Amino acid sequence: MPLWKVYHPVGAFTAEDKKALAKRVTDVYASVPLPKFYVVFIFEEVAKDSCFVGGEPHNRFIRFKIDQIARTVPGPVLREWWIRTLDTVIAPFVKDGGYDWEVSIDETPCDLWSLQGELAPPFESVAEKRWVKENKASPYTLAEKLPVNLILAPGVADR
């Protein structure tokens, strides 16, 4: 899952802003595709004079801390593209409001994560495709752990 923790000044976001931001970011992850229910947002208000940047109070600062578990982003070019994509998505909610912001992503091992007692199915597996379609976690079989497009040997196709 991507877990987004958003630390922001009191009143920085309305309830509608929070919903719109969460939806826009969820749509980006869904385009990967990931099941939408993987994306979790927690908005944490920070009281005035409780955020410091460079040792000085900063009451117009928003910090996005993201834990990505379902996928890792390989290589420097894709990592830069992903950060820039996320910055573009969140900019209307922060830049246009006159806030400074920071984004960081931690990638943690997928095998140390469960949803409703189920381990996340493998990437591009039959089970993962079903989870995307149903938008919920559910038990799956060993056969559903196989890729949707299973190829057993290099160079063998159309059998």
N, C-alpha and C. Protein backbone atom coordinates (compact mmCIF):
# COMPACT_ATOMS: atom_id res chain seq x y z
N MET A 1 0.84 -1.18 0.00
CA MET A 1 0.00 0.00 0.00
C MET A 1 0.87 1.22 0.00
N PRO A 2 0.43 2.26 -0.60
CA PRO A 2 1.03 3.54 -0.28
C PRO A 2 0.25 4.14 0.88
N LEU A 3 0.95 4.42 1.95
CA LEU A 3 0.37 5.11 3.10
C LEU A 3 0.91 6.53 3.08
N TRP A 4 0.02 7.48 2.91
CA TRP A 4 0.40 8.88 2.89
C TRP A 4 0.07 9.51 4.24
N LYS A 5 1.09 10.02 4.91
CA LYS A 5 0.90 10.80 6.12
C LYS A 5 1.19 12.25 5.76
N VAL A 6 0.19 13.09 5.94
CA VAL A 6 0.30 14.49 5.54
C VAL A 6 0.27 15.35 6.81
N TYR A 7 1.40 15.95 7.13
CA TYR A 7 1.52 16.82 8.29
C TYR A 7 1.36 18.25 7.81
N HIS A 8 0.32 18.93 8.30
CA HIS A 8 -0.02 20.24 7.75
C HIS A 8 -0.52 21.18 8.83
N PRO A 9 -0.40 22.50 8.58
CA PRO A 9 -0.93 23.47 9.53
C PRO A 9 -2.44 23.32 9.70
N VAL A 10 -2.93 23.68 10.86
CA VAL A 10 -4.36 23.66 11.13
C VAL A 10 -5.07 24.54 10.09
N GLY A 11 -6.09 23.98 9.47
CA GLY A 11 -6.88 24.73 8.51
C GLY A 11 -6.31 24.78 7.10
N ALA A 12 -5.19 24.10 6.85
CA ALA A 12 -4.59 24.13 5.51
C ALA A 12 -5.49 23.47 4.47
N PHE A 13 -6.23 22.47 4.89
CA PHE A 13 -7.10 21.72 3.97
C PHE A 13 -8.51 21.67 4.53
N THR A 14 -9.48 21.90 3.65
CA THR A 14 -10.87 21.66 4.01
C THR A 14 -11.15 20.17 3.86
N ALA A 15 -12.29 19.72 4.33
CA ALA A 15 -12.69 18.32 4.15
C ALA A 15 -12.75 17.99 2.66
N GLU A 16 -13.22 18.94 1.86
CA GLU A 16 -13.31 18.72 0.41
C GLU A 16 -11.92 18.64 -0.21
N ASP A 17 -11.00 19.48 0.26
CA ASP A 17 -9.61 19.43 -0.23
C ASP A 17 -8.99 18.06 0.05
N LYS A 18 -9.19 17.58 1.27
CA LYS A 18 -8.62 16.28 1.66
C LYS A 18 -9.16 15.18 0.76
N LYS A 19 -10.45 15.19 0.54
CA LYS A 19 -11.07 14.16 -0.30
C LYS A 19 -10.56 14.26 -1.73
N ALA A 20 -10.46 15.47 -2.26
CA ALA A 20 -9.99 15.66 -3.64
C ALA A 20 -8.53 15.25 -3.80
N LEU A 21 -7.69 15.61 -2.84
CA LEU A 21 -6.28 15.23 -2.90
C LEU A 21 -6.14 13.72 -2.84
N ALA A 22 -6.82 13.09 -1.89
CA ALA A 22 -6.75 11.63 -1.77
C ALA A 22 -7.23 10.95 -3.05
N LYS A 23 -8.28 11.48 -3.65
CA LYS A 23 -8.79 10.88 -4.89
C LYS A 23 -7.81 11.04 -6.05
N ARG A 24 -7.24 12.23 -6.19
CA ARG A 24 -6.28 12.46 -7.29
C ARG A 24 -5.06 11.55 -7.16
N VAL A 25 -4.55 11.41 -5.95
CA VAL A 25 -3.39 10.54 -5.74
C VAL A 25 -3.78 9.08 -5.95
N THR A 26 -4.93 8.68 -5.44
CA THR A 26 -5.42 7.31 -5.63
C THR A 26 -5.54 6.99 -7.11
N ASP A 27 -6.04 7.91 -7.90
CA ASP A 27 -6.17 7.70 -9.34
C ASP A 27 -4.82 7.46 -10.01
N VAL A 28 -3.77 8.14 -9.53
CA VAL A 28 -2.43 7.93 -10.09
C VAL A 28 -1.97 6.50 -9.80
N TYR A 29 -2.14 6.06 -8.57
CA TYR A 29 -1.74 4.69 -8.22
C TYR A 29 -2.60 3.66 -8.96
N ALA A 30 -3.89 3.94 -9.12
CA ALA A 30 -4.78 3.02 -9.83
C ALA A 30 -4.37 2.86 -11.29
N SER A 31 -3.70 3.86 -11.85
CA SER A 31 -3.25 3.77 -13.24
C SER A 31 -2.06 2.84 -13.40
N VAL A 32 -1.45 2.41 -12.29
CA VAL A 32 -0.25 1.55 -12.34
C VAL A 32 -0.53 0.18 -12.97
N PRO A 33 -1.51 -0.62 -12.66
CA PRO A 33 -2.63 -0.44 -11.73
C PRO A 33 -2.37 -1.10 -10.39
N LEU A 34 -2.84 -0.42 -9.36
CA LEU A 34 -2.91 -0.97 -8.01
C LEU A 34 -4.36 -0.93 -7.58
N PRO A 35 -4.77 -1.85 -6.72
CA PRO A 35 -6.13 -1.73 -6.19
C PRO A 35 -6.27 -0.39 -5.45
N LYS A 36 -7.37 0.29 -5.66
CA LYS A 36 -7.57 1.59 -5.03
C LYS A 36 -7.54 1.50 -3.52
N PHE A 37 -8.00 0.37 -2.97
CA PHE A 37 -8.03 0.27 -1.51
C PHE A 37 -6.65 0.17 -0.89
N TYR A 38 -5.61 0.00 -1.70
CA TYR A 38 -4.24 0.02 -1.19
C TYR A 38 -3.85 1.42 -0.70
N VAL A 39 -4.45 2.46 -1.27
CA VAL A 39 -4.03 3.84 -1.01
C VAL A 39 -4.72 4.37 0.25
N VAL A 40 -3.91 4.73 1.24
CA VAL A 40 -4.43 5.22 2.52
C VAL A 40 -3.83 6.60 2.80
N PHE A 41 -4.68 7.53 3.22
CA PHE A 41 -4.26 8.88 3.60
C PHE A 41 -4.58 9.13 5.06
N ILE A 42 -3.64 9.73 5.77
CA ILE A 42 -3.88 10.21 7.12
C ILE A 42 -3.40 11.66 7.17
N PHE A 43 -4.32 12.55 7.46
CA PHE A 43 -4.00 13.97 7.57
C PHE A 43 -3.80 14.29 9.06
N GLU A 44 -2.64 14.87 9.38
CA GLU A 44 -2.30 15.22 10.75
C GLU A 44 -2.10 16.73 10.84
N GLU A 45 -2.98 17.39 11.59
CA GLU A 45 -2.81 18.83 11.78
C GLU A 45 -1.66 19.10 12.76
N VAL A 46 -0.89 20.12 12.43
CA VAL A 46 0.23 20.53 13.27
C VAL A 46 -0.10 21.92 13.82
N ALA A 47 -0.13 22.04 15.13
CA ALA A 47 -0.48 23.30 15.78
C ALA A 47 0.51 24.41 15.40
N LYS A 48 0.01 25.64 15.42
CA LYS A 48 0.85 26.80 15.15
C LYS A 48 2.09 26.78 16.04
N ASP A 49 3.21 27.13 15.46
CA ASP A 49 4.51 27.18 16.15
C ASP A 49 4.98 25.81 16.64
N SER A 50 4.50 24.74 15.98
CA SER A 50 4.93 23.38 16.32
C SER A 50 5.72 22.73 15.18
N CYS A 51 5.95 23.48 14.12
CA CYS A 51 6.77 22.99 13.01
C CYS A 51 7.97 23.94 12.85
N PHE A 52 9.15 23.35 12.78
CA PHE A 52 10.36 24.14 12.63
C PHE A 52 11.14 23.62 11.43
N VAL A 53 11.63 24.52 10.62
CA VAL A 53 12.48 24.18 9.47
C VAL A 53 13.77 24.99 9.64
N GLY A 54 14.87 24.31 9.65
CA GLY A 54 16.15 24.99 9.86
C GLY A 54 16.25 25.67 11.21
N GLY A 55 15.52 25.11 12.19
CA GLY A 55 15.56 25.66 13.54
C GLY A 55 14.64 26.84 13.77
N GLU A 56 13.89 27.23 12.76
CA GLU A 56 12.98 28.38 12.87
C GLU A 56 11.54 27.92 12.68
N PRO A 57 10.59 28.58 13.37
CA PRO A 57 9.18 28.22 13.17
C PRO A 57 8.78 28.42 11.72
N HIS A 58 8.01 27.48 11.20
CA HIS A 58 7.52 27.58 9.82
C HIS A 58 6.07 27.13 9.82
N ASN A 59 5.17 28.07 9.82
CA ASN A 59 3.74 27.79 9.93
C ASN A 59 3.04 27.62 8.58
N ARG A 60 3.82 27.56 7.51
CA ARG A 60 3.22 27.34 6.18
C ARG A 60 3.98 26.20 5.48
N PHE A 61 4.23 25.14 6.22
CA PHE A 61 5.00 24.01 5.71
C PHE A 61 4.16 22.74 5.80
N ILE A 62 4.18 21.96 4.72
CA ILE A 62 3.44 20.69 4.67
C ILE A 62 4.41 19.59 4.31
N ARG A 63 4.36 18.53 5.05
CA ARG A 63 5.26 17.37 4.85
C ARG A 63 4.43 16.16 4.45
N PHE A 64 4.78 15.58 3.30
CA PHE A 64 4.15 14.35 2.81
C PHE A 64 5.14 13.21 3.02
N LYS A 65 4.82 12.30 3.91
CA LYS A 65 5.65 11.13 4.17
C LYS A 65 4.90 9.92 3.63
N ILE A 66 5.50 9.24 2.67
CA ILE A 66 4.83 8.16 1.97
C ILE A 66 5.57 6.85 2.19
N ASP A 67 4.84 5.83 2.62
CA ASP A 67 5.37 4.48 2.71
C ASP A 67 4.78 3.69 1.55
N GLN A 68 5.63 3.26 0.64
CA GLN A 68 5.17 2.44 -0.48
C GLN A 68 5.60 1.01 -0.21
N ILE A 69 4.62 0.11 -0.20
CA ILE A 69 4.90 -1.28 0.10
C ILE A 69 4.59 -2.16 -1.11
N ALA A 70 3.52 -1.87 -1.81
CA ALA A 70 3.05 -2.74 -2.89
C ALA A 70 4.01 -2.76 -4.09
N ARG A 71 4.72 -1.69 -4.32
CA ARG A 71 5.64 -1.61 -5.45
C ARG A 71 6.90 -0.87 -5.04
N THR A 72 7.98 -1.17 -5.74
CA THR A 72 9.19 -0.36 -5.64
C THR A 72 9.42 0.27 -7.00
N VAL A 73 10.00 1.42 -7.00
CA VAL A 73 10.26 2.13 -8.25
C VAL A 73 11.73 1.91 -8.61
N PRO A 74 11.98 1.18 -9.71
CA PRO A 74 13.37 0.84 -10.05
C PRO A 74 14.09 1.94 -10.82
N GLY A 75 15.31 2.20 -10.44
CA GLY A 75 16.20 3.07 -11.21
C GLY A 75 15.97 4.55 -11.04
N PRO A 76 17.01 5.34 -11.25
CA PRO A 76 16.94 6.78 -11.00
C PRO A 76 16.00 7.54 -11.93
N VAL A 77 15.86 7.13 -13.17
CA VAL A 77 14.99 7.87 -14.10
C VAL A 77 13.53 7.68 -13.70
N LEU A 78 13.13 6.45 -13.42
CA LEU A 78 11.74 6.21 -13.01
C LEU A 78 11.45 6.83 -11.64
N ARG A 79 12.43 6.81 -10.76
CA ARG A 79 12.23 7.43 -9.44
C ARG A 79 12.02 8.94 -9.58
N GLU A 80 12.82 9.58 -10.42
CA GLU A 80 12.63 11.02 -10.64
C GLU A 80 11.26 11.29 -11.26
N TRP A 81 10.89 10.48 -12.25
CA TRP A 81 9.58 10.64 -12.90
C TRP A 81 8.46 10.50 -11.87
N TRP A 82 8.55 9.51 -10.98
CA TRP A 82 7.50 9.26 -10.00
C TRP A 82 7.38 10.44 -9.02
N ILE A 83 8.49 10.93 -8.49
CA ILE A 83 8.45 12.08 -7.57
C ILE A 83 7.87 13.30 -8.28
N ARG A 84 8.32 13.54 -9.51
CA ARG A 84 7.79 14.70 -10.25
C ARG A 84 6.29 14.54 -10.54
N THR A 85 5.87 13.33 -10.83
CA THR A 85 4.44 13.07 -11.06
C THR A 85 3.64 13.39 -9.80
N LEU A 86 4.11 12.90 -8.66
CA LEU A 86 3.40 13.15 -7.40
C LEU A 86 3.42 14.64 -7.05
N ASP A 87 4.55 15.31 -7.26
CA ASP A 87 4.60 16.76 -7.02
C ASP A 87 3.58 17.50 -7.88
N THR A 88 3.44 17.10 -9.11
CA THR A 88 2.48 17.74 -10.02
C THR A 88 1.05 17.54 -9.52
N VAL A 89 0.77 16.35 -9.01
CA VAL A 89 -0.58 16.05 -8.51
C VAL A 89 -0.90 16.87 -7.26
N ILE A 90 0.07 17.02 -6.36
CA ILE A 90 -0.24 17.71 -5.09
C ILE A 90 -0.06 19.23 -5.18
N ALA A 91 0.66 19.72 -6.18
CA ALA A 91 0.96 21.16 -6.27
C ALA A 91 -0.27 22.06 -6.16
N PRO A 92 -1.37 21.76 -6.82
CA PRO A 92 -2.54 22.66 -6.69
C PRO A 92 -3.05 22.79 -5.25
N PHE A 93 -2.78 21.80 -4.43
CA PHE A 93 -3.26 21.80 -3.06
C PHE A 93 -2.30 22.50 -2.09
N VAL A 94 -1.05 22.69 -2.52
CA VAL A 94 -0.07 23.30 -1.62
C VAL A 94 0.54 24.57 -2.21
N LYS A 95 1.09 24.46 -3.39
CA LYS A 95 1.74 25.61 -4.02
C LYS A 95 0.76 26.76 -4.21
N ASP A 96 -0.42 26.42 -4.72
CA ASP A 96 -1.42 27.46 -4.98
C ASP A 96 -1.93 28.10 -3.68
N GLY A 97 -1.73 27.42 -2.55
CA GLY A 97 -2.12 27.97 -1.25
C GLY A 97 -0.99 28.70 -0.55
N GLY A 98 0.15 28.81 -1.23
CA GLY A 98 1.28 29.52 -0.65
C GLY A 98 2.07 28.73 0.38
N TYR A 99 1.97 27.42 0.34
CA TYR A 99 2.69 26.57 1.29
C TYR A 99 4.01 26.09 0.70
N ASP A 100 4.99 25.89 1.55
CA ASP A 100 6.19 25.15 1.19
C ASP A 100 5.88 23.69 1.50
N TRP A 101 6.48 22.76 0.74
CA TRP A 101 6.20 21.36 1.00
C TRP A 101 7.39 20.49 0.69
N GLU A 102 7.32 19.30 1.22
CA GLU A 102 8.38 18.31 1.04
C GLU A 102 7.70 16.95 0.91
N VAL A 103 8.27 16.11 0.04
CA VAL A 103 7.77 14.75 -0.18
C VAL A 103 8.93 13.78 0.02
N SER A 104 8.67 12.71 0.76
CA SER A 104 9.65 11.62 0.83
C SER A 104 8.91 10.30 0.75
N ILE A 105 9.59 9.34 0.14
CA ILE A 105 9.01 8.00 -0.04
C ILE A 105 9.96 6.97 0.56
N ASP A 106 9.41 6.13 1.42
CA ASP A 106 10.13 4.96 1.91
C ASP A 106 9.51 3.74 1.24
N GLU A 107 10.35 2.84 0.78
CA GLU A 107 9.86 1.60 0.18
C GLU A 107 10.20 0.44 1.11
N THR A 108 9.18 -0.23 1.58
CA THR A 108 9.37 -1.32 2.53
C THR A 108 9.02 -2.65 1.87
N PRO A 109 9.52 -3.76 2.42
CA PRO A 109 9.29 -5.06 1.80
C PRO A 109 7.82 -5.47 1.79
N CYS A 110 7.36 -5.90 0.64
CA CYS A 110 5.97 -6.32 0.45
C CYS A 110 5.64 -7.56 1.28
N ASP A 111 6.64 -8.39 1.54
CA ASP A 111 6.35 -9.64 2.27
C ASP A 111 6.16 -9.41 3.77
N LEU A 112 6.30 -8.18 4.23
CA LEU A 112 6.04 -7.84 5.62
C LEU A 112 4.78 -6.98 5.75
N TRP A 113 3.77 -7.33 4.98
CA TRP A 113 2.54 -6.54 4.90
C TRP A 113 1.37 -7.47 4.65
N SER A 114 0.26 -7.24 5.32
CA SER A 114 -0.95 -8.03 5.05
C SER A 114 -2.16 -7.11 5.09
N LEU A 115 -3.23 -7.56 4.45
CA LEU A 115 -4.50 -6.83 4.41
C LEU A 115 -5.60 -7.81 4.77
N GLN A 116 -6.34 -7.51 5.84
CA GLN A 116 -7.39 -8.41 6.31
C GLN A 116 -6.86 -9.84 6.47
N GLY A 117 -5.62 -9.96 6.89
CA GLY A 117 -5.03 -11.28 7.12
C GLY A 117 -4.50 -11.97 5.89
N GLU A 118 -4.55 -11.32 4.75
CA GLU A 118 -4.05 -11.89 3.50
C GLU A 118 -2.77 -11.18 3.08
N LEU A 119 -1.78 -11.95 2.66
CA LEU A 119 -0.60 -11.35 2.06
C LEU A 119 -0.98 -10.81 0.69
N ALA A 120 -0.39 -9.70 0.31
CA ALA A 120 -0.70 -9.13 -1.00
C ALA A 120 -0.27 -10.10 -2.09
N PRO A 121 -1.11 -10.31 -3.10
CA PRO A 121 -0.73 -11.21 -4.19
C PRO A 121 0.40 -10.63 -5.03
N PRO A 122 1.12 -11.48 -5.75
CA PRO A 122 2.23 -11.01 -6.58
C PRO A 122 1.78 -10.05 -7.68
N PHE A 123 2.72 -9.21 -8.08
CA PHE A 123 2.51 -8.25 -9.17
C PHE A 123 2.04 -8.96 -10.44
N GLU A 124 1.00 -8.42 -11.06
CA GLU A 124 0.46 -8.92 -12.33
C GLU A 124 -0.12 -10.33 -12.22
N SER A 125 -0.40 -10.79 -11.01
CA SER A 125 -0.97 -12.13 -10.84
C SER A 125 -2.48 -12.09 -11.07
N VAL A 126 -3.04 -13.27 -11.24
CA VAL A 126 -4.48 -13.41 -11.39
C VAL A 126 -5.18 -12.82 -10.16
N ALA A 127 -4.67 -13.14 -8.97
CA ALA A 127 -5.27 -12.63 -7.73
C ALA A 127 -5.20 -11.12 -7.65
N GLU A 128 -4.06 -10.53 -8.03
CA GLU A 128 -3.94 -9.08 -7.97
C GLU A 128 -4.94 -8.42 -8.92
N LYS A 129 -5.09 -8.97 -10.11
CA LYS A 129 -6.06 -8.42 -11.06
C LYS A 129 -7.47 -8.49 -10.49
N ARG A 130 -7.76 -9.58 -9.78
CA ARG A 130 -9.09 -9.72 -9.16
C ARG A 130 -9.25 -8.67 -8.05
N TRP A 131 -8.20 -8.48 -7.23
CA TRP A 131 -8.27 -7.47 -6.18
C TRP A 131 -8.50 -6.08 -6.76
N VAL A 132 -7.85 -5.78 -7.88
CA VAL A 132 -8.05 -4.48 -8.54
C VAL A 132 -9.52 -4.35 -8.93
N LYS A 133 -10.06 -5.39 -9.56
CA LYS A 133 -11.46 -5.35 -10.04
C LYS A 133 -12.45 -5.25 -8.89
N GLU A 134 -12.24 -6.05 -7.83
CA GLU A 134 -13.17 -6.07 -6.71
C GLU A 134 -12.92 -4.94 -5.71
N ASN A 135 -11.74 -4.34 -5.75
CA ASN A 135 -11.33 -3.27 -4.85
C ASN A 135 -11.44 -3.68 -3.38
N LYS A 136 -10.98 -4.91 -3.11
CA LYS A 136 -10.93 -5.39 -1.73
C LYS A 136 -10.01 -6.60 -1.65
N ALA A 137 -9.48 -6.84 -0.45
CA ALA A 137 -8.64 -8.01 -0.20
C ALA A 137 -9.52 -9.22 0.03
N SER A 138 -9.07 -10.37 -0.47
CA SER A 138 -9.79 -11.62 -0.26
C SER A 138 -8.81 -12.78 -0.43
N PRO A 139 -9.15 -13.94 0.12
CA PRO A 139 -8.26 -15.10 -0.02
C PRO A 139 -8.06 -15.45 -1.50
N TYR A 140 -6.92 -16.06 -1.78
CA TYR A 140 -6.63 -16.50 -3.15
C TYR A 140 -5.88 -17.82 -3.10
N THR A 141 -5.93 -18.52 -4.21
CA THR A 141 -5.33 -19.85 -4.29
C THR A 141 -3.90 -19.74 -4.83
N LEU A 142 -3.18 -20.84 -4.72
CA LEU A 142 -1.84 -20.90 -5.28
C LEU A 142 -1.88 -20.61 -6.78
N ALA A 143 -2.85 -21.17 -7.49
CA ALA A 143 -2.97 -20.94 -8.94
C ALA A 143 -3.17 -19.46 -9.26
N GLU A 144 -3.84 -18.72 -8.36
CA GLU A 144 -4.08 -17.30 -8.60
C GLU A 144 -2.83 -16.45 -8.36
N LYS A 145 -1.77 -17.05 -7.81
CA LYS A 145 -0.51 -16.32 -7.63
C LYS A 145 0.27 -16.24 -8.95
N LEU A 146 -0.15 -17.04 -9.93
CA LEU A 146 0.54 -17.06 -11.22
C LEU A 146 0.24 -15.78 -12.00
N PRO A 147 1.18 -15.38 -12.86
CA PRO A 147 0.93 -14.19 -13.70
C PRO A 147 -0.25 -14.40 -14.64
N VAL A 148 -0.92 -13.32 -14.96
CA VAL A 148 -2.05 -13.38 -15.89
C VAL A 148 -1.57 -13.93 -17.24
N ASN A 149 -0.42 -13.47 -17.69
CA ASN A 149 0.16 -13.92 -18.96
C ASN A 149 1.35 -14.83 -18.68
N LEU A 150 1.06 -16.06 -18.34
CA LEU A 150 2.10 -17.01 -17.96
C LEU A 150 2.85 -17.53 -19.18
N ILE A 151 4.17 -17.36 -19.17
CA ILE A 151 5.05 -17.91 -20.19
C ILE A 151 6.06 -18.78 -19.47
N LEU A 152 6.07 -20.06 -19.77
CA LEU A 152 6.89 -21.00 -19.01
C LEU A 152 8.31 -21.14 -19.54
N ALA A 153 8.55 -20.84 -20.80
CA ALA A 153 9.89 -21.01 -21.37
C ALA A 153 10.18 -19.86 -22.32
N PRO A 154 11.43 -19.41 -22.33
CA PRO A 154 11.77 -18.33 -23.26
C PRO A 154 11.60 -18.79 -24.70
N GLY A 155 11.05 -17.93 -25.51
CA GLY A 155 10.92 -18.23 -26.93
C GLY A 155 9.73 -19.11 -27.29
N VAL A 156 8.95 -19.52 -26.32
CA VAL A 156 7.80 -20.37 -26.60
C VAL A 156 6.55 -19.49 -26.52
N ALA A 157 5.80 -19.47 -27.60
CA ALA A 157 4.59 -18.65 -27.63
C ALA A 157 3.52 -19.34 -28.47
N ASP A 158 2.33 -18.89 -28.31
CA ASP A 158 1.20 -19.38 -29.11
C ASP A 158 1.03 -20.89 -29.06
N ARG A 159 1.04 -21.47 -27.90
CA ARG A 159 0.83 -22.91 -27.76
C ARG A 159 -0.60 -23.20 -27.48
